[in-house]
N, C-alpha and C. Protein backbone atom coordinates (compact mmCIF):
# COMPACT_ATOMS: atom_id res chain seq x y z
N MET A 1 84.46 -65.19 -91.13
CA MET A 1 84.77 -64.36 -90.01
C MET A 1 84.70 -65.19 -88.76
N GLY A 2 85.65 -65.17 -88.04
CA GLY A 2 85.72 -65.96 -86.83
C GLY A 2 85.30 -65.15 -85.65
N SER A 3 84.83 -65.83 -84.65
CA SER A 3 84.41 -65.10 -83.48
C SER A 3 85.48 -65.18 -82.43
N THR A 4 85.74 -64.13 -81.83
CA THR A 4 86.76 -64.05 -80.78
C THR A 4 86.09 -64.15 -79.44
N PRO A 5 86.83 -64.60 -78.41
CA PRO A 5 86.21 -64.73 -77.10
C PRO A 5 85.74 -63.36 -76.58
N GLY A 6 84.49 -63.30 -75.99
CA GLY A 6 83.94 -62.06 -75.43
C GLY A 6 83.20 -61.24 -76.45
N THR A 7 83.04 -61.70 -77.65
CA THR A 7 82.30 -60.95 -78.66
C THR A 7 81.01 -61.66 -78.96
N ASN A 8 80.03 -60.94 -79.33
CA ASN A 8 78.73 -61.49 -79.67
C ASN A 8 78.68 -61.69 -81.16
N ALA A 9 78.36 -62.90 -81.59
CA ALA A 9 78.32 -63.20 -83.01
C ALA A 9 77.17 -62.49 -83.69
N ALA A 10 76.15 -62.11 -82.96
CA ALA A 10 74.99 -61.47 -83.58
C ALA A 10 75.26 -60.00 -83.87
N HIS A 11 76.14 -59.42 -83.16
CA HIS A 11 76.40 -58.00 -83.37
C HIS A 11 77.76 -57.82 -83.99
N PRO A 12 77.91 -57.01 -85.04
CA PRO A 12 79.19 -56.89 -85.72
C PRO A 12 80.28 -56.26 -84.86
N HIS A 13 79.91 -55.47 -83.86
CA HIS A 13 80.93 -54.81 -83.04
C HIS A 13 81.20 -55.55 -81.74
N GLY A 14 80.64 -56.66 -81.58
CA GLY A 14 80.90 -57.43 -80.37
C GLY A 14 79.77 -57.31 -79.38
N SER A 15 80.00 -57.70 -78.14
CA SER A 15 79.00 -57.70 -77.09
C SER A 15 78.66 -56.28 -76.68
N LEU A 16 77.37 -56.07 -76.40
CA LEU A 16 76.92 -54.74 -75.97
C LEU A 16 76.95 -54.60 -74.45
N GLU A 17 77.27 -55.59 -73.73
CA GLU A 17 77.34 -55.52 -72.28
C GLU A 17 78.68 -55.01 -71.84
N ASN A 18 78.65 -54.13 -70.90
CA ASN A 18 79.87 -53.61 -70.30
C ASN A 18 79.86 -54.02 -68.84
N PRO A 19 80.70 -54.89 -68.46
CA PRO A 19 80.67 -55.37 -67.08
C PRO A 19 81.02 -54.29 -66.07
N GLU A 20 81.59 -53.18 -66.48
CA GLU A 20 81.96 -52.13 -65.54
C GLU A 20 80.82 -51.16 -65.27
N VAL A 21 79.77 -51.22 -66.11
CA VAL A 21 78.64 -50.29 -65.95
C VAL A 21 77.40 -51.10 -65.64
N ALA A 22 76.72 -50.79 -64.54
CA ALA A 22 75.49 -51.47 -64.16
C ALA A 22 74.70 -50.56 -63.22
N HIS A 23 73.42 -50.83 -63.03
CA HIS A 23 72.63 -50.02 -62.10
C HIS A 23 72.78 -50.56 -60.69
N GLU A 24 72.56 -49.68 -59.76
CA GLU A 24 72.69 -50.09 -58.38
C GLU A 24 71.36 -50.67 -57.93
N GLU A 25 71.34 -51.85 -57.50
CA GLU A 25 70.11 -52.52 -57.14
C GLU A 25 69.64 -52.14 -55.74
N SER A 26 70.44 -51.51 -54.94
CA SER A 26 70.07 -51.18 -53.57
C SER A 26 69.45 -49.78 -53.45
N ASP A 27 69.37 -48.97 -54.50
CA ASP A 27 68.87 -47.59 -54.42
C ASP A 27 67.35 -47.51 -54.37
N ILE A 28 66.62 -48.38 -54.98
CA ILE A 28 65.18 -48.28 -55.03
C ILE A 28 64.57 -49.45 -54.27
N ASN A 29 63.57 -49.13 -53.48
CA ASN A 29 62.88 -50.14 -52.70
C ASN A 29 61.47 -50.26 -53.27
N VAL A 30 61.25 -51.25 -54.08
CA VAL A 30 59.97 -51.43 -54.77
C VAL A 30 58.88 -51.69 -53.75
N ARG A 31 59.16 -52.45 -52.73
CA ARG A 31 58.15 -52.76 -51.72
C ARG A 31 57.66 -51.48 -51.02
N ALA A 32 58.54 -50.53 -50.73
CA ALA A 32 58.15 -49.28 -50.08
C ALA A 32 57.28 -48.42 -51.01
N ILE A 33 57.59 -48.41 -52.30
CA ILE A 33 56.78 -47.65 -53.25
C ILE A 33 55.39 -48.25 -53.34
N LEU A 34 55.29 -49.56 -53.39
CA LEU A 34 53.98 -50.21 -53.46
C LEU A 34 53.17 -49.93 -52.20
N TRP A 35 53.82 -49.96 -51.02
CA TRP A 35 53.12 -49.62 -49.79
C TRP A 35 52.64 -48.16 -49.81
N PHE A 36 53.47 -47.25 -50.30
CA PHE A 36 53.09 -45.84 -50.38
C PHE A 36 51.86 -45.66 -51.26
N VAL A 37 51.87 -46.29 -52.45
CA VAL A 37 50.73 -46.18 -53.37
C VAL A 37 49.48 -46.77 -52.72
N ALA A 38 49.60 -47.90 -52.05
CA ALA A 38 48.45 -48.52 -51.40
C ALA A 38 47.89 -47.63 -50.29
N ILE A 39 48.77 -47.05 -49.49
CA ILE A 39 48.31 -46.15 -48.42
C ILE A 39 47.67 -44.89 -49.01
N LEU A 40 48.25 -44.36 -50.10
CA LEU A 40 47.70 -43.16 -50.74
C LEU A 40 46.30 -43.45 -51.28
N VAL A 41 46.11 -44.60 -51.96
CA VAL A 41 44.79 -44.95 -52.48
C VAL A 41 43.81 -45.15 -51.34
N GLY A 42 44.23 -45.82 -50.29
CA GLY A 42 43.35 -46.04 -49.13
C GLY A 42 42.94 -44.73 -48.48
N THR A 43 43.89 -43.82 -48.29
CA THR A 43 43.59 -42.52 -47.69
C THR A 43 42.63 -41.73 -48.57
N THR A 44 42.86 -41.75 -49.89
CA THR A 44 41.99 -41.03 -50.82
C THR A 44 40.57 -41.58 -50.76
N LEU A 45 40.43 -42.89 -50.77
CA LEU A 45 39.09 -43.50 -50.66
C LEU A 45 38.43 -43.14 -49.35
N ALA A 46 39.19 -43.17 -48.25
CA ALA A 46 38.63 -42.83 -46.94
C ALA A 46 38.14 -41.38 -46.92
N ILE A 47 38.91 -40.46 -47.50
CA ILE A 47 38.50 -39.05 -47.55
C ILE A 47 37.24 -38.89 -48.39
N HIS A 48 37.18 -39.56 -49.55
CA HIS A 48 36.01 -39.46 -50.41
C HIS A 48 34.76 -40.00 -49.71
N LEU A 49 34.89 -41.14 -49.07
CA LEU A 49 33.74 -41.71 -48.37
C LEU A 49 33.30 -40.82 -47.21
N THR A 50 34.26 -40.25 -46.48
CA THR A 50 33.93 -39.34 -45.39
C THR A 50 33.20 -38.11 -45.90
N MET A 51 33.68 -37.53 -46.99
CA MET A 51 33.03 -36.34 -47.55
C MET A 51 31.63 -36.67 -48.06
N TYR A 52 31.46 -37.81 -48.71
CA TYR A 52 30.14 -38.23 -49.18
C TYR A 52 29.18 -38.36 -48.00
N GLY A 53 29.63 -39.02 -46.93
CA GLY A 53 28.79 -39.15 -45.74
C GLY A 53 28.46 -37.80 -45.13
N LEU A 54 29.44 -36.88 -45.12
CA LEU A 54 29.21 -35.54 -44.58
C LEU A 54 28.15 -34.80 -45.38
N PHE A 55 28.23 -34.86 -46.69
CA PHE A 55 27.25 -34.17 -47.54
C PHE A 55 25.86 -34.78 -47.37
N VAL A 56 25.77 -36.10 -47.31
CA VAL A 56 24.47 -36.74 -47.10
C VAL A 56 23.89 -36.34 -45.74
N GLY A 57 24.72 -36.35 -44.71
CA GLY A 57 24.26 -35.96 -43.37
C GLY A 57 23.82 -34.51 -43.32
N LEU A 58 24.58 -33.61 -43.94
CA LEU A 58 24.19 -32.19 -43.95
C LEU A 58 22.93 -31.96 -44.75
N ALA A 59 22.74 -32.70 -45.84
CA ALA A 59 21.52 -32.56 -46.63
C ALA A 59 20.30 -32.98 -45.81
N ARG A 60 20.42 -34.07 -45.07
CA ARG A 60 19.31 -34.51 -44.21
C ARG A 60 19.05 -33.49 -43.10
N PHE A 61 20.12 -32.97 -42.50
CA PHE A 61 19.97 -31.97 -41.45
C PHE A 61 19.27 -30.73 -41.99
N ASP A 62 19.67 -30.30 -43.20
CA ASP A 62 19.08 -29.11 -43.82
C ASP A 62 17.61 -29.35 -44.15
N ALA A 63 17.29 -30.54 -44.64
CA ALA A 63 15.89 -30.85 -44.97
C ALA A 63 15.02 -30.86 -43.71
N LYS A 64 15.55 -31.37 -42.58
CA LYS A 64 14.80 -31.38 -41.33
C LYS A 64 14.55 -29.98 -40.80
N ASN A 65 15.57 -29.13 -40.90
CA ASN A 65 15.50 -27.80 -40.30
C ASN A 65 15.07 -26.71 -41.28
N ASP A 66 14.52 -27.06 -42.43
CA ASP A 66 14.03 -26.06 -43.38
C ASP A 66 12.86 -25.30 -42.75
N PRO A 67 12.82 -23.98 -42.91
CA PRO A 67 11.69 -23.23 -42.35
C PRO A 67 10.42 -23.56 -43.14
N ALA A 68 9.29 -23.41 -42.50
CA ALA A 68 8.00 -23.67 -43.16
C ALA A 68 7.79 -22.63 -44.26
N VAL A 69 7.28 -23.09 -45.39
CA VAL A 69 7.04 -22.18 -46.52
C VAL A 69 5.78 -21.39 -46.25
N SER A 70 5.86 -20.08 -46.49
CA SER A 70 4.73 -19.20 -46.29
C SER A 70 3.63 -19.51 -47.30
N PRO A 71 2.38 -19.43 -46.90
CA PRO A 71 1.30 -19.67 -47.86
C PRO A 71 1.20 -18.57 -48.91
N LEU A 72 1.88 -17.45 -48.69
CA LEU A 72 1.86 -16.35 -49.65
C LEU A 72 2.84 -16.55 -50.80
N VAL A 73 3.75 -17.52 -50.66
CA VAL A 73 4.75 -17.76 -51.70
C VAL A 73 4.05 -18.36 -52.92
N ALA A 74 4.41 -17.83 -54.10
CA ALA A 74 3.82 -18.35 -55.34
C ALA A 74 4.35 -19.75 -55.60
N PRO A 75 3.51 -20.62 -56.15
CA PRO A 75 3.97 -21.97 -56.47
C PRO A 75 5.10 -21.94 -57.49
N ALA A 76 5.91 -22.99 -57.48
CA ALA A 76 7.04 -23.07 -58.40
C ALA A 76 6.52 -23.08 -59.83
N GLY A 77 7.17 -22.32 -60.70
CA GLY A 77 6.80 -22.26 -62.12
C GLY A 77 5.81 -21.15 -62.43
N GLN A 78 5.20 -20.55 -61.42
CA GLN A 78 4.24 -19.46 -61.67
C GLN A 78 4.99 -18.13 -61.67
N LEU A 79 4.74 -17.31 -62.69
CA LEU A 79 5.41 -16.02 -62.80
C LEU A 79 4.85 -15.03 -61.79
N PRO A 80 5.67 -14.10 -61.29
CA PRO A 80 5.17 -13.09 -60.37
C PRO A 80 4.27 -12.10 -61.12
N PRO A 81 3.47 -11.34 -60.39
CA PRO A 81 2.58 -10.38 -61.06
C PRO A 81 3.37 -9.26 -61.73
N GLU A 82 2.71 -8.58 -62.65
CA GLU A 82 3.32 -7.44 -63.35
C GLU A 82 3.51 -6.32 -62.35
N PRO A 83 4.43 -5.42 -62.48
CA PRO A 83 5.53 -5.39 -63.46
C PRO A 83 6.66 -6.29 -63.01
N ARG A 84 7.28 -6.94 -63.96
CA ARG A 84 8.39 -7.85 -63.69
C ARG A 84 9.71 -7.19 -64.07
N LEU A 85 10.79 -7.76 -63.60
CA LEU A 85 12.11 -7.27 -63.98
C LEU A 85 12.34 -7.55 -65.45
N GLN A 86 13.08 -6.68 -66.10
CA GLN A 86 13.41 -6.88 -67.51
C GLN A 86 14.49 -7.94 -67.63
N THR A 87 14.26 -8.89 -68.53
CA THR A 87 15.29 -9.89 -68.78
C THR A 87 16.12 -9.53 -70.00
N THR A 88 15.52 -8.79 -70.94
CA THR A 88 16.25 -8.35 -72.14
C THR A 88 15.94 -6.87 -72.36
N PRO A 89 16.58 -5.98 -71.60
CA PRO A 89 16.25 -4.55 -71.73
C PRO A 89 16.58 -3.98 -73.10
N TRP A 90 17.59 -4.52 -73.79
CA TRP A 90 17.93 -4.00 -75.11
C TRP A 90 16.81 -4.30 -76.10
N GLU A 91 16.17 -5.45 -76.00
CA GLU A 91 15.04 -5.77 -76.89
C GLU A 91 13.84 -4.92 -76.53
N ASP A 92 13.61 -4.72 -75.23
CA ASP A 92 12.49 -3.90 -74.79
C ASP A 92 12.66 -2.46 -75.28
N LEU A 93 13.89 -1.95 -75.26
CA LEU A 93 14.15 -0.59 -75.72
C LEU A 93 13.90 -0.47 -77.22
N LYS A 94 14.32 -1.47 -78.00
CA LYS A 94 14.05 -1.44 -79.45
C LYS A 94 12.55 -1.41 -79.72
N LYS A 95 11.81 -2.26 -79.00
CA LYS A 95 10.36 -2.33 -79.17
C LYS A 95 9.71 -1.01 -78.78
N PHE A 96 10.14 -0.43 -77.64
CA PHE A 96 9.59 0.83 -77.16
C PHE A 96 9.83 1.95 -78.17
N ARG A 97 11.06 2.03 -78.70
CA ARG A 97 11.37 3.08 -79.68
C ARG A 97 10.59 2.89 -80.98
N ALA A 98 10.38 1.65 -81.39
CA ALA A 98 9.59 1.39 -82.60
C ALA A 98 8.15 1.83 -82.38
N GLU A 99 7.58 1.54 -81.21
CA GLU A 99 6.20 1.97 -80.91
C GLU A 99 6.11 3.49 -80.86
N GLU A 100 7.11 4.14 -80.26
CA GLU A 100 7.11 5.62 -80.23
C GLU A 100 7.18 6.19 -81.63
N ASP A 101 8.04 5.60 -82.47
CA ASP A 101 8.20 6.08 -83.84
C ASP A 101 6.90 5.95 -84.61
N VAL A 102 6.20 4.83 -84.46
CA VAL A 102 4.91 4.64 -85.13
C VAL A 102 3.93 5.70 -84.64
N HIS A 103 3.90 5.95 -83.33
CA HIS A 103 2.99 6.95 -82.77
C HIS A 103 3.33 8.36 -83.27
N LEU A 104 4.63 8.68 -83.36
CA LEU A 104 5.04 10.02 -83.79
C LEU A 104 4.78 10.27 -85.27
N ARG A 105 4.68 9.24 -86.07
CA ARG A 105 4.53 9.40 -87.52
C ARG A 105 3.15 9.00 -88.03
N SER A 106 2.16 8.95 -87.12
CA SER A 106 0.83 8.52 -87.56
C SER A 106 -0.24 9.45 -87.02
N TYR A 107 -1.44 9.32 -87.60
CA TYR A 107 -2.62 10.02 -87.11
C TYR A 107 -3.34 9.09 -86.15
N GLY A 108 -4.08 9.66 -85.21
CA GLY A 108 -4.86 8.85 -84.30
C GLY A 108 -5.62 9.71 -83.32
N TRP A 109 -6.51 9.08 -82.59
CA TRP A 109 -7.33 9.79 -81.61
C TRP A 109 -6.69 9.74 -80.24
N VAL A 110 -6.67 10.88 -79.57
CA VAL A 110 -6.28 10.94 -78.17
C VAL A 110 -7.54 10.75 -77.33
N ASP A 111 -8.60 11.52 -77.67
CA ASP A 111 -9.91 11.40 -77.03
C ASP A 111 -10.95 11.64 -78.10
N LYS A 112 -11.57 10.57 -78.58
CA LYS A 112 -12.50 10.67 -79.71
C LYS A 112 -13.76 11.43 -79.31
N THR A 113 -14.22 11.25 -78.07
CA THR A 113 -15.46 11.94 -77.64
C THR A 113 -15.25 13.45 -77.57
N ALA A 114 -14.04 13.88 -77.18
CA ALA A 114 -13.76 15.32 -77.10
C ALA A 114 -13.25 15.85 -78.44
N GLY A 115 -12.98 14.96 -79.39
CA GLY A 115 -12.49 15.39 -80.70
C GLY A 115 -11.03 15.77 -80.71
N VAL A 116 -10.23 15.19 -79.82
CA VAL A 116 -8.80 15.49 -79.75
C VAL A 116 -8.03 14.37 -80.45
N ALA A 117 -7.23 14.77 -81.45
CA ALA A 117 -6.46 13.79 -82.22
C ALA A 117 -4.98 14.14 -82.17
N HIS A 118 -4.16 13.20 -82.59
CA HIS A 118 -2.73 13.51 -82.72
C HIS A 118 -2.33 13.38 -84.19
N LEU A 119 -1.35 14.20 -84.56
CA LEU A 119 -0.87 14.28 -85.94
C LEU A 119 0.55 13.74 -86.01
N PRO A 120 1.02 13.45 -87.21
CA PRO A 120 2.45 13.13 -87.35
C PRO A 120 3.29 14.34 -86.93
N ILE A 121 4.44 14.09 -86.37
CA ILE A 121 5.27 15.15 -85.80
C ILE A 121 5.67 16.19 -86.84
N ASP A 122 5.98 15.76 -88.05
CA ASP A 122 6.38 16.71 -89.09
C ASP A 122 5.22 17.64 -89.45
N LYS A 123 4.01 17.09 -89.54
CA LYS A 123 2.81 17.89 -89.85
C LYS A 123 2.54 18.87 -88.71
N ALA A 124 2.69 18.41 -87.47
CA ALA A 124 2.45 19.28 -86.31
C ALA A 124 3.45 20.43 -86.27
N LYS A 125 4.72 20.14 -86.58
CA LYS A 125 5.74 21.22 -86.61
C LYS A 125 5.42 22.23 -87.70
N ALA A 126 5.01 21.76 -88.86
CA ALA A 126 4.66 22.68 -89.96
C ALA A 126 3.47 23.55 -89.58
N LEU A 127 2.44 22.97 -88.95
CA LEU A 127 1.29 23.77 -88.51
C LEU A 127 1.69 24.76 -87.43
N LEU A 128 2.58 24.38 -86.54
CA LEU A 128 3.03 25.29 -85.49
C LEU A 128 3.79 26.47 -86.10
N LEU A 129 4.63 26.21 -87.07
CA LEU A 129 5.34 27.31 -87.74
C LEU A 129 4.37 28.20 -88.50
N GLN A 130 3.36 27.62 -89.09
CA GLN A 130 2.39 28.38 -89.88
C GLN A 130 1.51 29.23 -88.97
N ARG A 131 1.01 28.64 -87.87
CA ARG A 131 0.04 29.34 -87.01
C ARG A 131 0.71 30.09 -85.86
N GLY A 132 1.87 29.66 -85.40
CA GLY A 132 2.53 30.27 -84.26
C GLY A 132 1.99 29.74 -82.96
N LEU A 133 2.66 30.12 -81.87
CA LEU A 133 2.24 29.69 -80.55
C LEU A 133 1.14 30.61 -80.02
N PRO A 134 0.14 30.07 -79.36
CA PRO A 134 -0.89 30.94 -78.80
C PRO A 134 -0.33 31.74 -77.62
N ALA A 135 -0.73 32.99 -77.53
CA ALA A 135 -0.31 33.86 -76.43
C ALA A 135 -1.50 34.67 -75.98
N ARG A 136 -1.60 34.94 -74.69
CA ARG A 136 -2.72 35.75 -74.21
C ARG A 136 -2.29 37.21 -74.16
N GLU A 137 -3.23 38.04 -74.35
CA GLU A 137 -2.98 39.49 -74.30
C GLU A 137 -2.97 39.93 -72.84
N THR A 138 -2.07 40.84 -72.51
CA THR A 138 -2.02 41.36 -71.15
C THR A 138 -1.76 42.86 -71.21
N SER A 139 -2.38 43.54 -70.30
CA SER A 139 -2.16 44.99 -70.23
C SER A 139 -1.35 45.37 -69.00
N ASP A 140 -0.99 44.39 -68.19
CA ASP A 140 -0.22 44.65 -66.98
C ASP A 140 1.27 44.60 -67.32
N PRO A 141 2.01 45.73 -67.21
CA PRO A 141 3.43 45.74 -67.57
C PRO A 141 4.31 45.00 -66.57
N THR A 142 3.78 44.73 -65.37
CA THR A 142 4.61 44.03 -64.39
C THR A 142 4.59 42.52 -64.58
N GLN A 143 3.74 42.04 -65.45
CA GLN A 143 3.72 40.61 -65.69
C GLN A 143 4.89 40.21 -66.56
N GLY A 144 5.32 38.99 -66.41
CA GLY A 144 6.44 38.50 -67.21
C GLY A 144 7.71 38.52 -66.39
N THR A 145 8.81 38.80 -67.05
CA THR A 145 10.11 38.74 -66.38
C THR A 145 10.47 40.02 -65.65
N HIS A 146 9.62 41.06 -65.71
CA HIS A 146 9.97 42.33 -65.08
C HIS A 146 9.50 42.42 -63.63
N VAL A 147 8.83 41.39 -63.12
CA VAL A 147 8.35 41.42 -61.75
C VAL A 147 9.52 41.13 -60.82
N ALA A 148 9.58 41.86 -59.70
CA ALA A 148 10.65 41.63 -58.74
C ALA A 148 10.49 40.26 -58.12
N ALA A 149 11.59 39.62 -57.85
CA ALA A 149 11.57 38.29 -57.26
C ALA A 149 11.17 38.38 -55.81
N SER A 150 10.48 37.37 -55.33
CA SER A 150 10.15 37.35 -53.91
C SER A 150 11.10 36.38 -53.23
N GLY A 151 11.46 36.68 -52.02
CA GLY A 151 12.37 35.79 -51.31
C GLY A 151 13.80 36.25 -51.47
N GLU A 152 14.72 35.33 -51.40
CA GLU A 152 16.14 35.65 -51.43
C GLU A 152 16.68 35.53 -52.84
N SER A 153 17.40 36.55 -53.28
CA SER A 153 17.97 36.51 -54.62
C SER A 153 19.32 35.79 -54.58
N SER A 154 19.92 35.63 -55.74
CA SER A 154 21.20 34.92 -55.78
C SER A 154 22.31 35.73 -55.12
N GLY A 155 22.14 37.02 -54.97
CA GLY A 155 23.16 37.84 -54.34
C GLY A 155 23.10 37.81 -52.83
N GLY A 156 22.09 37.13 -52.28
CA GLY A 156 22.00 37.02 -50.84
C GLY A 156 21.20 38.13 -50.19
N ARG A 157 20.62 39.01 -50.98
CA ARG A 157 19.83 40.09 -50.37
C ARG A 157 18.35 39.76 -50.52
N ASN A 158 17.56 40.16 -49.54
CA ASN A 158 16.13 39.90 -49.57
C ASN A 158 15.42 41.00 -50.35
N ILE A 159 14.53 40.58 -51.22
CA ILE A 159 13.71 41.54 -51.97
C ILE A 159 12.27 41.22 -51.64
N PRO A 160 11.57 42.12 -51.00
CA PRO A 160 10.17 41.84 -50.69
C PRO A 160 9.36 41.74 -51.98
N ALA A 161 8.35 40.91 -51.95
CA ALA A 161 7.51 40.70 -53.13
C ALA A 161 6.82 42.00 -53.51
N GLY A 162 6.85 42.32 -54.78
CA GLY A 162 6.17 43.50 -55.28
C GLY A 162 6.99 44.77 -55.20
N ALA A 163 8.11 44.76 -54.48
CA ALA A 163 8.94 45.96 -54.38
C ALA A 163 9.76 46.11 -55.65
N PRO A 164 9.97 47.34 -56.08
CA PRO A 164 10.75 47.54 -57.31
C PRO A 164 12.22 47.19 -57.08
N VAL A 165 12.85 46.72 -58.10
CA VAL A 165 14.26 46.40 -58.05
C VAL A 165 15.01 47.70 -58.28
N MET A 166 15.93 48.02 -57.39
CA MET A 166 16.63 49.31 -57.46
C MET A 166 17.77 49.28 -58.48
N ALA A 167 18.21 48.12 -58.89
CA ALA A 167 19.34 48.04 -59.80
C ALA A 167 18.94 48.38 -61.23
N ALA A 168 17.70 48.20 -61.58
CA ALA A 168 17.25 48.46 -62.96
C ALA A 168 16.08 49.43 -62.92
N PRO A 169 15.97 50.26 -63.96
CA PRO A 169 14.83 51.19 -63.98
C PRO A 169 13.52 50.41 -64.18
N ALA A 170 12.44 50.99 -63.70
CA ALA A 170 11.13 50.34 -63.84
C ALA A 170 10.76 50.31 -65.32
N PRO A 171 10.17 49.25 -65.80
CA PRO A 171 9.81 49.15 -67.21
C PRO A 171 8.62 50.04 -67.53
N GLN A 172 8.65 50.59 -68.72
CA GLN A 172 7.56 51.43 -69.20
C GLN A 172 6.46 50.54 -69.76
N ALA A 173 5.25 50.95 -69.58
CA ALA A 173 4.12 50.17 -70.10
C ALA A 173 4.11 50.33 -71.62
N PRO A 174 4.09 49.23 -72.37
CA PRO A 174 4.05 49.33 -73.83
C PRO A 174 2.67 49.75 -74.31
N ALA A 175 2.67 50.40 -75.43
CA ALA A 175 1.40 50.82 -76.02
C ALA A 175 0.65 49.57 -76.47
N PRO A 176 -0.66 49.54 -76.30
CA PRO A 176 -1.40 48.35 -76.73
C PRO A 176 -1.28 48.17 -78.25
N ALA A 177 -0.99 46.97 -78.65
CA ALA A 177 -0.85 46.67 -80.07
C ALA A 177 -2.22 46.36 -80.65
N PRO A 178 -2.37 46.63 -81.94
CA PRO A 178 -3.66 46.29 -82.55
C PRO A 178 -3.83 44.77 -82.51
N SER A 179 -5.03 44.35 -82.17
CA SER A 179 -5.26 42.91 -82.04
C SER A 179 -5.40 42.28 -83.41
N ALA A 180 -4.69 41.16 -83.59
CA ALA A 180 -4.73 40.43 -84.86
C ALA A 180 -5.87 39.42 -84.79
N PRO A 181 -6.41 39.07 -85.94
CA PRO A 181 -7.48 38.07 -85.90
C PRO A 181 -6.92 36.74 -85.39
N GLU A 182 -7.72 36.09 -84.56
CA GLU A 182 -7.28 34.83 -83.96
C GLU A 182 -7.27 33.74 -85.03
N PRO A 183 -6.19 32.94 -85.09
CA PRO A 183 -6.12 31.89 -86.10
C PRO A 183 -7.14 30.79 -85.82
N ALA A 184 -7.59 30.15 -86.89
CA ALA A 184 -8.56 29.06 -86.76
C ALA A 184 -7.88 27.86 -86.12
N LYS A 185 -8.62 27.23 -85.22
CA LYS A 185 -8.05 26.08 -84.53
C LYS A 185 -8.72 24.81 -85.02
N ALA A 186 -7.97 23.71 -84.91
CA ALA A 186 -8.52 22.41 -85.31
C ALA A 186 -9.62 22.01 -84.34
N PRO A 187 -10.57 21.22 -84.80
CA PRO A 187 -11.65 20.81 -83.89
C PRO A 187 -11.08 20.07 -82.67
N GLY A 188 -11.64 20.40 -81.53
CA GLY A 188 -11.19 19.73 -80.33
C GLY A 188 -9.99 20.38 -79.69
N GLY A 189 -9.47 21.45 -80.22
CA GLY A 189 -8.34 22.15 -79.62
C GLY A 189 -7.01 21.60 -80.00
N GLY A 190 -6.94 20.56 -80.82
CA GLY A 190 -5.64 20.01 -81.24
C GLY A 190 -5.05 20.85 -82.34
N LEU A 191 -3.81 20.62 -82.68
CA LEU A 191 -3.14 21.37 -83.75
C LEU A 191 -3.52 20.82 -85.09
């Protein structure tokens, strides 16, 4: 294979240079770009050094002008006195509910000298259902909810204390009921 003028022997298709296509050498000014980068780096360093000096100066100014510490201030690292703010209220709530649950489901003394104890809640409810709530006997029919209200009622009218209510008939005195034997109470008045 012979080589023809203008062809590159190393490349099978000839020379890869095209004399009609080239870059324009006058479009970019390398010296101006280098000056720009140098000025940018210099300005950045100047700003950083200025800011560092400003922070050091302000720190010294702040240290000089710090107010005197009160002698009542607790030393660093010492906890404040109780009660303190909760840092983990969810854990405190779990602990509180667990302690309440133990108290509600156990026996124990409230006041040992007076003989007052506490029972588990289920046992106390069963005793309450068995014995009932204590009630005092009364022979006065005006006691309870049948007494006229004193002061201003919800309707805006004044009712003097002790005066009968005109809207409802006066209650009749109930016949005295035969007294039932009083149930036995636990020592110390507890249930």
